[in-house]
Amino acid sequence: MDFLVERPLAEVMIQAEKHMVIQHRFNRTLDSTETSQSFYRNREGIGSIAEAVGVVERAWVRFVAAEEGEGRTRLSITATTADLERDLERWVTTELHATPCSD
């Protein structure tokens, strides 16, 4: 999913991190940079065992951003589940007032 956000890249990435850590309780990976961030969620209890043996997939999200000029940012979002993608699409369009990009 690609979006155009009328905010600077750094602000968009800070907001993405806040949303994932506070709202979804995801952890940020160590390979995150200024323009790309990855997050994952550890399952607890029986879910962690199911994830370890491959019965369920680890939930993860990746944000990749690029400056579009004039304080605008192009934001690409990839998530492991359709529910998570829908939630992130709702968040980016309502909270960041982003518009979907078709190209």
PDB file of N, CA and C in Angstrom:
ATOM      1  N   MET A   1       0.847  -1.162   0.000  1.00  0.00           N
ATOM      2  CA  MET A   1       0.000   0.000   0.000  1.00  0.00           C
ATOM      3  C   MET A   1       0.898   1.232   0.000  1.00  0.00           C
ATOM      4  N   ASP A   2       0.633   2.157  -0.904  1.00  0.00           N
ATOM      5  CA  ASP A   2       1.411   3.387  -1.004  1.00  0.00           C
ATOM      6  C   ASP A   2       0.515   4.596  -0.738  1.00  0.00           C
ATOM      7  N   PHE A   3       1.071   5.553  -0.004  1.00  0.00           N
ATOM      8  CA  PHE A   3       0.326   6.752   0.360  1.00  0.00           C
ATOM      9  C   PHE A   3       1.204   7.984   0.191  1.00  0.00           C
ATOM     10  N   LEU A   4       0.566   9.128  -0.034  1.00  0.00           N
ATOM     11  CA  LEU A   4       1.248  10.414  -0.062  1.00  0.00           C
ATOM     12  C   LEU A   4       0.796  11.186   1.172  1.00  0.00           C
ATOM     13  N   VAL A   5       1.770  11.570   1.986  1.00  0.00           N
ATOM     14  CA  VAL A   5       1.499  12.257   3.245  1.00  0.00           C
ATOM     15  C   VAL A   5       2.052  13.670   3.149  1.00  0.00           C
ATOM     16  N   GLU A   6       1.252  14.654   3.521  1.00  0.00           N
ATOM     17  CA  GLU A   6       1.663  16.066   3.465  1.00  0.00           C
ATOM     18  C   GLU A   6       2.429  16.457   4.733  1.00  0.00           C
ATOM     19  N   ARG A   7       3.445  15.662   5.056  1.00  0.00           N
ATOM     20  CA  ARG A   7       4.300  15.926   6.210  1.00  0.00           C
ATOM     21  C   ARG A   7       5.733  15.528   5.849  1.00  0.00           C
ATOM     22  N   PRO A   8       6.718  16.085   6.552  1.00  0.00           N
ATOM     23  CA  PRO A   8       8.109  15.700   6.299  1.00  0.00           C
ATOM     24  C   PRO A   8       8.370  14.238   6.666  1.00  0.00           C
ATOM     25  N   LEU A   9       9.329  13.643   5.990  1.00  0.00           N
ATOM     26  CA  LEU A   9       9.671  12.239   6.179  1.00  0.00           C
ATOM     27  C   LEU A   9       9.939  11.885   7.640  1.00  0.00           C
ATOM     28  N   ALA A  10      10.748  12.663   8.325  1.00  0.00           N
ATOM     29  CA  ALA A  10      11.104  12.356   9.717  1.00  0.00           C
ATOM     30  C   ALA A  10       9.865  12.309  10.603  1.00  0.00           C
ATOM     31  N   GLU A  11       8.952  13.248  10.421  1.00  0.00           N
ATOM     32  CA  GLU A  11       7.729  13.272  11.223  1.00  0.00           C
ATOM     33  C   GLU A  11       6.858  12.046  10.944  1.00  0.00           C
ATOM     34  N   VAL A  12       6.757  11.660   9.677  1.00  0.00           N
ATOM     35  CA  VAL A  12       5.966  10.487   9.304  1.00  0.00           C
ATOM     36  C   VAL A  12       6.529   9.236   9.974  1.00  0.00           C
ATOM     37  N   MET A  13       7.846   9.077   9.950  1.00  0.00           N
ATOM     38  CA  MET A  13       8.457   7.887  10.530  1.00  0.00           C
ATOM     39  C   MET A  13       8.330   7.867  12.053  1.00  0.00           C
ATOM     40  N   ILE A  14       8.404   9.019  12.684  1.00  0.00           N
ATOM     41  CA  ILE A  14       8.213   9.097  14.142  1.00  0.00           C
ATOM     42  C   ILE A  14       6.786   8.693  14.489  1.00  0.00           C
ATOM     43  N   GLN A  15       5.810   9.207  13.734  1.00  0.00           N
ATOM     44  CA  GLN A  15       4.411   8.857  13.986  1.00  0.00           C
ATOM     45  C   GLN A  15       4.156   7.368  13.753  1.00  0.00           C
ATOM     46  N   ALA A  16       4.780   6.802  12.724  1.00  0.00           N
ATOM     47  CA  ALA A  16       4.622   5.365  12.450  1.00  0.00           C
ATOM     48  C   ALA A  16       5.165   4.542  13.614  1.00  0.00           C
ATOM     49  N   GLU A  17       6.321   4.919  14.110  1.00  0.00           N
ATOM     50  CA  GLU A  17       6.897   4.188  15.239  1.00  0.00           C
ATOM     51  C   GLU A  17       6.016   4.292  16.475  1.00  0.00           C
ATOM     52  N   LYS A  18       5.547   5.488  16.790  1.00  0.00           N
ATOM     53  CA  LYS A  18       4.649   5.669  17.938  1.00  0.00           C
ATOM     54  C   LYS A  18       3.414   4.789  17.805  1.00  0.00           C
ATOM     55  N   HIS A  19       2.822   4.794  16.625  1.00  0.00           N
ATOM     56  CA  HIS A  19       1.604   4.017  16.407  1.00  0.00           C
ATOM     57  C   HIS A  19       1.856   2.523  16.611  1.00  0.00           C
ATOM     58  N   MET A  20       2.928   2.013  16.047  1.00  0.00           N
ATOM     59  CA  MET A  20       3.193   0.578  16.144  1.00  0.00           C
ATOM     60  C   MET A  20       3.553   0.152  17.563  1.00  0.00           C
ATOM     61  N   VAL A  21       4.350   0.940  18.259  1.00  0.00           N
ATOM     62  CA  VAL A  21       4.806   0.576  19.595  1.00  0.00           C
ATOM     63  C   VAL A  21       3.707   0.777  20.637  1.00  0.00           C
ATOM     64  N   ILE A  22       3.023   1.916  20.575  1.00  0.00           N
ATOM     65  CA  ILE A  22       2.026   2.221  21.598  1.00  0.00           C
ATOM     66  C   ILE A  22       0.690   1.536  21.325  1.00  0.00           C
ATOM     67  N   GLN A  23       0.179   1.636  20.107  1.00  0.00           N
ATOM     68  CA  GLN A  23      -1.147   1.093  19.796  1.00  0.00           C
ATOM     69  C   GLN A  23      -1.150  -0.416  19.571  1.00  0.00           C
ATOM     70  N   HIS A  24      -0.117  -0.924  18.919  1.00  0.00           N
ATOM     71  CA  HIS A  24      -0.109  -2.339  18.551  1.00  0.00           C
ATOM     72  C   HIS A  24       0.835  -3.193  19.390  1.00  0.00           C
ATOM     73  N   ARG A  25       1.660  -2.552  20.233  1.00  0.00           N
ATOM     74  CA  ARG A  25       2.625  -3.262  21.070  1.00  0.00           C
ATOM     75  C   ARG A  25       3.621  -4.093  20.244  1.00  0.00           C
ATOM     76  N   PHE A  26       4.059  -3.520  19.146  1.00  0.00           N
ATOM     77  CA  PHE A  26       5.074  -4.147  18.312  1.00  0.00           C
ATOM     78  C   PHE A  26       6.453  -3.672  18.766  1.00  0.00           C
ATOM     79  N   ASN A  27       7.474  -4.425  18.432  1.00  0.00           N
ATOM     80  CA  ASN A  27       8.860  -4.056  18.701  1.00  0.00           C
ATOM     81  C   ASN A  27       9.515  -3.642  17.395  1.00  0.00           C
ATOM     82  N   ARG A  28      10.377  -2.657  17.451  1.00  0.00           N
ATOM     83  CA  ARG A  28      11.098  -2.228  16.245  1.00  0.00           C
ATOM     84  C   ARG A  28      12.338  -3.092  16.083  1.00  0.00           C
ATOM     85  N   THR A  29      12.651  -3.440  14.844  1.00  0.00           N
ATOM     86  CA  THR A  29      13.843  -4.239  14.591  1.00  0.00           C
ATOM     87  C   THR A  29      15.082  -3.356  14.588  1.00  0.00           C
ATOM     88  N   LEU A  30      16.226  -3.979  14.722  1.00  0.00           N
ATOM     89  CA  LEU A  30      17.483  -3.237  14.768  1.00  0.00           C
ATOM     90  C   LEU A  30      17.926  -2.723  13.409  1.00  0.00           C
ATOM     91  N   ASP A  31      17.372  -3.268  12.319  1.00  0.00           N
ATOM     92  CA  ASP A  31      17.804  -2.840  10.987  1.00  0.00           C
ATOM     93  C   ASP A  31      17.045  -1.623  10.465  1.00  0.00           C
ATOM     94  N   SER A  32      16.266  -0.972  11.303  1.00  0.00           N
ATOM     95  CA  SER A  32      15.523   0.212  10.887  1.00  0.00           C
ATOM     96  C   SER A  32      16.477   1.375  10.614  1.00  0.00           C
ATOM     97  N   THR A  33      16.091   2.221   9.634  1.00  0.00           N
ATOM     98  CA  THR A  33      16.898   3.380   9.256  1.00  0.00           C
ATOM     99  C   THR A  33      15.996   4.613   9.246  1.00  0.00           C
ATOM    100  N   GLU A  34      16.526   5.743   8.746  1.00  0.00           N
ATOM    101  CA  GLU A  34      15.717   6.963   8.650  1.00  0.00           C
ATOM    102  C   GLU A  34      14.561   6.799   7.668  1.00  0.00           C
ATOM    103  N   THR A  35      14.729   5.944   6.662  1.00  0.00           N
ATOM    104  CA  THR A  35      13.712   5.811   5.617  1.00  0.00           C
ATOM    105  C   THR A  35      12.991   4.470   5.620  1.00  0.00           C
ATOM    106  N   SER A  36      13.373   3.558   6.483  1.00  0.00           N
ATOM    107  CA  SER A  36      12.660   2.284   6.563  1.00  0.00           C
ATOM    108  C   SER A  36      12.653   1.775   7.994  1.00  0.00           C
ATOM    109  N   GLN A  37      11.491   1.287   8.394  1.00  0.00           N
ATOM    110  CA  GLN A  37      11.337   0.743   9.741  1.00  0.00           C
ATOM    111  C   GLN A  37      10.562  -0.562   9.656  1.00  0.00           C
ATOM    112  N   SER A  38      11.011  -1.533  10.435  1.00  0.00           N
ATOM    113  CA  SER A  38      10.322  -2.813  10.511  1.00  0.00           C
ATOM    114  C   SER A  38       9.942  -3.070  11.957  1.00  0.00           C
ATOM    115  N   PHE A  39       8.780  -3.675  12.134  1.00  0.00           N
ATOM    116  CA  PHE A  39       8.264  -3.966  13.463  1.00  0.00           C
ATOM    117  C   PHE A  39       7.748  -5.397  13.502  1.00  0.00           C
ATOM    118  N   TYR A  40       7.833  -6.029  14.659  1.00  0.00           N
ATOM    119  CA  TYR A  40       7.300  -7.375  14.829  1.00  0.00           C
ATOM    120  C   TYR A  40       6.647  -7.479  16.202  1.00  0.00           C
ATOM    121  N   ARG A  41       5.773  -8.456  16.330  1.00  0.00           N
ATOM    122  CA  ARG A  41       5.101  -8.674  17.613  1.00  0.00           C
ATOM    123  C   ARG A  41       5.391 -10.098  18.060  1.00  0.00           C
ATOM    124  N   ASN A  42       5.904 -10.223  19.268  1.00  0.00           N
ATOM    125  CA  ASN A  42       6.097 -11.544  19.858  1.00  0.00           C
ATOM    126  C   ASN A  42       4.778 -12.037  20.422  1.00  0.00           C
ATOM    127  N   ARG A  43       4.445 -13.243  20.111  1.00  0.00           N
ATOM    128  CA  ARG A  43       3.239 -13.849  20.681  1.00  0.00           C
ATOM    129  C   ARG A  43       3.576 -14.362  22.078  1.00  0.00           C
ATOM    130  N   GLU A  44       2.542 -14.500  22.888  1.00  0.00           N
ATOM    131  CA  GLU A  44       2.734 -14.998  24.248  1.00  0.00           C
ATOM    132  C   GLU A  44       2.006 -16.315  24.410  1.00  0.00           C
ATOM    133  N   GLY A  45       2.417 -17.094  25.391  1.00  0.00           N
ATOM    134  CA  GLY A  45       1.743 -18.344  25.717  1.00  0.00           C
ATOM    135  C   GLY A  45       1.804 -19.355  24.587  1.00  0.00           C
ATOM    136  N   ILE A  46       0.677 -19.990  24.329  1.00  0.00           N
ATOM    137  CA  ILE A  46       0.592 -21.031  23.308  1.00  0.00           C
ATOM    138  C   ILE A  46       0.873 -20.457  21.920  1.00  0.00           C
ATOM    139  N   GLY A  47       0.568 -19.170  21.725  1.00  0.00           N
ATOM    140  CA  GLY A  47       0.849 -18.523  20.450  1.00  0.00           C
ATOM    141  C   GLY A  47       2.329 -18.499  20.122  1.00  0.00           C
ATOM    142  N   SER A  48       3.174 -18.350  21.144  1.00  0.00           N
ATOM    143  CA  SER A  48       4.612 -18.333  20.903  1.00  0.00           C
ATOM    144  C   SER A  48       5.110 -19.710  20.475  1.00  0.00           C
ATOM    145  N   ILE A  49       4.515 -20.761  21.022  1.00  0.00           N
ATOM    146  CA  ILE A  49       4.888 -22.118  20.620  1.00  0.00           C
ATOM    147  C   ILE A  49       4.445 -22.375  19.187  1.00  0.00           C
ATOM    148  N   ALA A  50       3.224 -21.982  18.860  1.00  0.00           N
ATOM    149  CA  ALA A  50       2.702 -22.159  17.496  1.00  0.00           C
ATOM    150  C   ALA A  50       3.565 -21.393  16.489  1.00  0.00           C
ATOM    151  N   GLU A  51       4.019 -20.214  16.864  1.00  0.00           N
ATOM    152  CA  GLU A  51       4.896 -19.428  15.984  1.00  0.00           C
ATOM    153  C   GLU A  51       6.250 -20.107  15.827  1.00  0.00           C
ATOM    154  N   ALA A  52       6.791 -20.636  16.904  1.00  0.00           N
ATOM    155  CA  ALA A  52       8.110 -21.272  16.874  1.00  0.00           C
ATOM    156  C   ALA A  52       8.140 -22.507  15.973  1.00  0.00           C
ATOM    157  N   VAL A  53       7.048 -23.270  15.952  1.00  0.00           N
ATOM    158  CA  VAL A  53       7.021 -24.478  15.115  1.00  0.00           C
ATOM    159  C   VAL A  53       6.462 -24.207  13.726  1.00  0.00           C
ATOM    160  N   GLY A  54       6.081 -22.968  13.450  1.00  0.00           N
ATOM    161  CA  GLY A  54       5.644 -22.603  12.106  1.00  0.00           C
ATOM    162  C   GLY A  54       4.162 -22.776  11.823  1.00  0.00           C
ATOM    163  N   VAL A  55       3.362 -22.996  12.859  1.00  0.00           N
ATOM    164  CA  VAL A  55       1.915 -23.136  12.661  1.00  0.00           C
ATOM    165  C   VAL A  55       1.285 -21.787  12.331  1.00  0.00           C
ATOM    166  N   VAL A  56       1.766 -20.729  12.975  1.00  0.00           N
ATOM    167  CA  VAL A  56       1.310 -19.373  12.683  1.00  0.00           C
ATOM    168  C   VAL A  56       2.520 -18.516  12.342  1.00  0.00           C
ATOM    169  N   GLU A  57       2.292 -17.524  11.500  1.00  0.00           N
ATOM    170  CA  GLU A  57       3.363 -16.636  11.073  1.00  0.00           C
ATOM    171  C   GLU A  57       3.525 -15.491  12.067  1.00  0.00           C
ATOM    172  N   ARG A  58       4.771 -15.065  12.245  1.00  0.00           N
ATOM    173  CA  ARG A  58       5.040 -13.905  13.101  1.00  0.00           C
ATOM    174  C   ARG A  58       4.426 -12.669  12.458  1.00  0.00           C
ATOM    175  N   ALA A  59       3.738 -11.869  13.251  1.00  0.00           N
ATOM    176  CA  ALA A  59       3.145 -10.630  12.757  1.00  0.00           C
ATOM    177  C   ALA A  59       4.249  -9.586  12.592  1.00  0.00           C
ATOM    178  N   TRP A  60       4.313  -8.962  11.421  1.00  0.00           N
ATOM    179  CA  TRP A  60       5.310  -7.927  11.182  1.00  0.00           C
ATOM    180  C   TRP A  60       4.753  -6.869  10.237  1.00  0.00           C
ATOM    181  N   VAL A  61       5.361  -5.701  10.311  1.00  0.00           N
ATOM    182  CA  VAL A  61       4.984  -4.556   9.468  1.00  0.00           C
ATOM    183  C   VAL A  61       6.270  -3.871   9.033  1.00  0.00           C
ATOM    184  N   ARG A  62       6.263  -3.368   7.794  1.00  0.00           N
ATOM    185  CA  ARG A  62       7.419  -2.608   7.289  1.00  0.00           C
ATOM    186  C   ARG A  62       6.928  -1.318   6.657  1.00  0.00           C
ATOM    187  N   PHE A  63       7.562  -0.213   7.050  1.00  0.00           N
ATOM    188  CA  PHE A  63       7.302   1.101   6.475  1.00  0.00           C
ATOM    189  C   PHE A  63       8.540   1.522   5.689  1.00  0.00           C
ATOM    190  N   VAL A  64       8.341   1.985   4.456  1.00  0.00           N
ATOM    191  CA  VAL A  64       9.432   2.537   3.659  1.00  0.00           C
ATOM    192  C   VAL A  64       8.964   3.910   3.186  1.00  0.00           C
ATOM    193  N   ALA A  65       9.792   4.924   3.422  1.00  0.00           N
ATOM    194  CA  ALA A  65       9.410   6.295   3.092  1.00  0.00           C
ATOM    195  C   ALA A  65      10.435   6.945   2.168  1.00  0.00           C
ATOM    196  N   ALA A  66       9.933   7.858   1.342  1.00  0.00           N
ATOM    197  CA  ALA A  66      10.800   8.630   0.452  1.00  0.00           C
ATOM    198  C   ALA A  66      10.268  10.057   0.387  1.00  0.00           C
ATOM    199  N   GLU A  67      11.192  11.018   0.362  1.00  0.00           N
ATOM    200  CA  GLU A  67      10.787  12.417   0.250  1.00  0.00           C
ATOM    201  C   GLU A  67      10.243  12.677  -1.144  1.00  0.00           C
ATOM    202  N   GLU A  68       9.127  13.390  -1.191  1.00  0.00           N
ATOM    203  CA  GLU A  68       8.508  13.748  -2.468  1.00  0.00           C
ATOM    204  C   GLU A  68       8.646  15.231  -2.752  1.00  0.00           C
ATOM    205  N   GLY A  69       9.354  15.964  -1.907  1.00  0.00           N
ATOM    206  CA  GLY A  69       9.542  17.406  -2.088  1.00  0.00           C
ATOM    207  C   GLY A  69       8.438  18.206  -1.422  1.00  0.00           C
ATOM    208  N   GLU A  70       8.736  19.455  -1.116  1.00  0.00           N
ATOM    209  CA  GLU A  70       7.789  20.392  -0.512  1.00  0.00           C
ATOM    210  C   GLU A  70       7.158  19.841   0.763  1.00  0.00           C
ATOM    211  N   GLY A  71       7.943  19.118   1.576  1.00  0.00           N
ATOM    212  CA  GLY A  71       7.458  18.608   2.849  1.00  0.00           C
ATOM    213  C   GLY A  71       6.523  17.422   2.734  1.00  0.00           C
ATOM    214  N   ARG A  72       6.493  16.781   1.570  1.00  0.00           N
ATOM    215  CA  ARG A  72       5.626  15.613   1.387  1.00  0.00           C
ATOM    216  C   ARG A  72       6.449  14.332   1.428  1.00  0.00           C
ATOM    217  N   THR A  73       5.786  13.254   1.834  1.00  0.00           N
ATOM    218  CA  THR A  73       6.445  11.952   1.954  1.00  0.00           C
ATOM    219  C   THR A  73       5.605  10.882   1.294  1.00  0.00           C
ATOM    220  N   ARG A  74       6.258  10.033   0.537  1.00  0.00           N
ATOM    221  CA  ARG A  74       5.596   8.846  -0.010  1.00  0.00           C
ATOM    222  C   ARG A  74       5.879   7.711   0.970  1.00  0.00           C
ATOM    223  N   LEU A  75       4.826   7.068   1.458  1.00  0.00           N
ATOM    224  CA  LEU A  75       4.944   6.022   2.464  1.00  0.00           C
ATOM    225  C   LEU A  75       4.381   4.718   1.925  1.00  0.00           C
ATOM    226  N   SER A  76       5.199   3.674   1.942  1.00  0.00           N
ATOM    227  CA  SER A  76       4.764   2.332   1.548  1.00  0.00           C
ATOM    228  C   SER A  76       4.662   1.481   2.800  1.00  0.00           C
ATOM    229  N   ILE A  77       3.566   0.729   2.908  1.00  0.00           N
ATOM    230  CA  ILE A  77       3.331  -0.106   4.082  1.00  0.00           C
ATOM    231  C   ILE A  77       3.092  -1.534   3.626  1.00  0.00           C
ATOM    232  N   THR A  78       3.783  -2.463   4.272  1.00  0.00           N
ATOM    233  CA  THR A  78       3.587  -3.888   4.030  1.00  0.00           C
ATOM    234  C   THR A  78       3.321  -4.547   5.379  1.00  0.00           C
ATOM    235  N   ALA A  79       2.297  -5.396   5.439  1.00  0.00           N
ATOM    236  CA  ALA A  79       1.960  -6.091   6.686  1.00  0.00           C
ATOM    237  C   ALA A  79       1.635  -7.546   6.388  1.00  0.00           C
ATOM    238  N   THR A  80       1.748  -8.387   7.408  1.00  0.00           N
ATOM    239  CA  THR A  80       1.555  -9.820   7.212  1.00  0.00           C
ATOM    240  C   THR A  80       0.088 -10.238   7.141  1.00  0.00           C
ATOM    241  N   THR A  81      -0.822  -9.442   7.675  1.00  0.00           N
ATOM    242  CA  THR A  81      -2.230  -9.854   7.650  1.00  0.00           C
ATOM    243  C   THR A  81      -3.105  -8.763   7.041  1.00  0.00           C
ATOM    244  N   ALA A  82      -4.229  -9.183   6.481  1.00  0.00           N
ATOM    245  CA  ALA A  82      -5.178  -8.230   5.894  1.00  0.00           C
ATOM    246  C   ALA A  82      -5.767  -7.326   6.971  1.00  0.00           C
ATOM    247  N   ASP A  83      -6.033  -7.871   8.161  1.00  0.00           N
ATOM    248  CA  ASP A  83      -6.576  -7.052   9.252  1.00  0.00           C
ATOM    249  C   ASP A  83      -5.600  -5.946   9.647  1.00  0.00           C
ATOM    250  N   LEU A  84      -4.346  -6.285   9.736  1.00  0.00           N
ATOM    251  CA  LEU A  84      -3.328  -5.295  10.084  1.00  0.00           C
ATOM    252  C   LEU A  84      -3.190  -4.259   8.982  1.00  0.00           C
ATOM    253  N   GLU A  85      -3.235  -4.683   7.734  1.00  0.00           N
ATOM    254  CA  GLU A  85      -3.177  -3.733   6.613  1.00  0.00           C
ATOM    255  C   GLU A  85      -4.363  -2.772   6.648  1.00  0.00           C
ATOM    256  N   ARG A  86      -5.561  -3.295   6.898  1.00  0.00           N
ATOM    257  CA  ARG A  86      -6.754  -2.430   6.985  1.00  0.00           C
ATOM    258  C   ARG A  86      -6.624  -1.418   8.113  1.00  0.00           C
ATOM    259  N   ASP A  87      -6.127  -1.870   9.268  1.00  0.00           N
ATOM    260  CA  ASP A  87      -5.964  -0.964  10.398  1.00  0.00           C
ATOM    261  C   ASP A  87      -4.946   0.125  10.075  1.00  0.00           C
ATOM    262  N   LEU A  88      -3.841  -0.244   9.443  1.00  0.00           N
ATOM    263  CA  LEU A  88      -2.817   0.745   9.104  1.00  0.00           C
ATOM    264  C   LEU A  88      -3.299   1.704   8.025  1.00  0.00           C
ATOM    265  N   GLU A  89      -4.080   1.211   7.077  1.00  0.00           N
ATOM    266  CA  GLU A  89      -4.649   2.096   6.058  1.00  0.00           C
ATOM    267  C   GLU A  89      -5.590   3.109   6.709  1.00  0.00           C
ATOM    268  N   ARG A  90      -6.410   2.645   7.634  1.00  0.00           N
ATOM    269  CA  ARG A  90      -7.320   3.545   8.363  1.00  0.00           C
ATOM    270  C   ARG A  90      -6.520   4.571   9.158  1.00  0.00           C
ATOM    271  N   TRP A  91      -5.454   4.124   9.838  1.00  0.00           N
ATOM    272  CA  TRP A  91      -4.642   5.026  10.642  1.00  0.00           C
ATOM    273  C   TRP A  91      -3.964   6.083   9.770  1.00  0.00           C
ATOM    274  N   VAL A  92      -3.321   5.675   8.686  1.00  0.00           N
ATOM    275  CA  VAL A  92      -2.559   6.622   7.866  1.00  0.00           C
ATOM    276  C   VAL A  92      -3.477   7.621   7.160  1.00  0.00           C
ATOM    277  N   THR A  93      -4.689   7.206   6.795  1.00  0.00           N
ATOM    278  CA  THR A  93      -5.593   8.140   6.117  1.00  0.00           C
ATOM    279  C   THR A  93      -6.325   9.057   7.101  1.00  0.00           C
ATOM    280  N   THR A  94      -6.630   8.578   8.305  1.00  0.00           N
ATOM    281  CA  THR A  94      -7.342   9.434   9.256  1.00  0.00           C
ATOM    282  C   THR A  94      -6.407  10.269  10.127  1.00  0.00           C
ATOM    283  N   GLU A  95      -5.356   9.659  10.647  1.00  0.00           N
ATOM    284  CA  GLU A  95      -4.452  10.380  11.554  1.00  0.00           C
ATOM    285  C   GLU A  95      -3.418  11.233  10.815  1.00  0.00           C
ATOM    286  N   LEU A  96      -2.885  10.715   9.722  1.00  0.00           N
ATOM    287  CA  LEU A  96      -1.868  11.465   8.974  1.00  0.00           C
ATOM    288  C   LEU A  96      -2.449  12.179   7.760  1.00  0.00           C
ATOM    289  N   HIS A  97      -3.741  11.972   7.510  1.00  0.00           N
ATOM    290  CA  HIS A  97      -4.456  12.600   6.372  1.00  0.00           C
ATOM    291  C   HIS A  97      -3.765  12.294   5.044  1.00  0.00           C
ATOM    292  N   ALA A  98      -3.310  11.045   4.904  1.00  0.00           N
ATOM    293  CA  ALA A  98      -2.629  10.621   3.683  1.00  0.00           C
ATOM    294  C   ALA A  98      -3.650  10.267   2.598  1.00  0.00           C
ATOM    295  N   THR A  99      -3.191  10.325   1.368  1.00  0.00           N
ATOM    296  CA  THR A  99      -4.010   9.908   0.231  1.00  0.00           C
ATOM    297  C   THR A  99      -3.339   8.711  -0.437  1.00  0.00           C
ATOM    298  N   PRO A 100      -4.127   7.710  -0.838  1.00  0.00           N
ATOM    299  CA  PRO A 100      -3.540   6.542  -1.488  1.00  0.00           C
ATOM    300  C   PRO A 100      -2.903   6.934  -2.830  1.00  0.00           C
ATOM    301  N   CYS A 101      -1.786   6.280  -3.156  1.00  0.00           N
ATOM    302  CA  CYS A 101      -1.117   6.455  -4.449  1.00  0.00           C
ATOM    303  C   CYS A 101      -1.377   5.216  -5.270  1.00  0.00           C
ATOM    304  N   SER A 102      -1.631   5.411  -6.560  1.00  0.00           N
ATOM    305  CA  SER A 102      -1.935   4.264  -7.406  1.00  0.00           C
ATOM    306  C   SER A 102      -0.745   3.784  -8.229  1.00  0.00           C
ATOM    307  N   ASP A 103       0.329   4.548  -8.331  1.00  0.00           N
ATOM    308  CA  ASP A 103       1.457   4.102  -9.162  1.00  0.00           C
ATOM    309  C   ASP A 103       2.541   3.444  -8.369  1.00  0.00           C
TER     310      ASP A 103
END
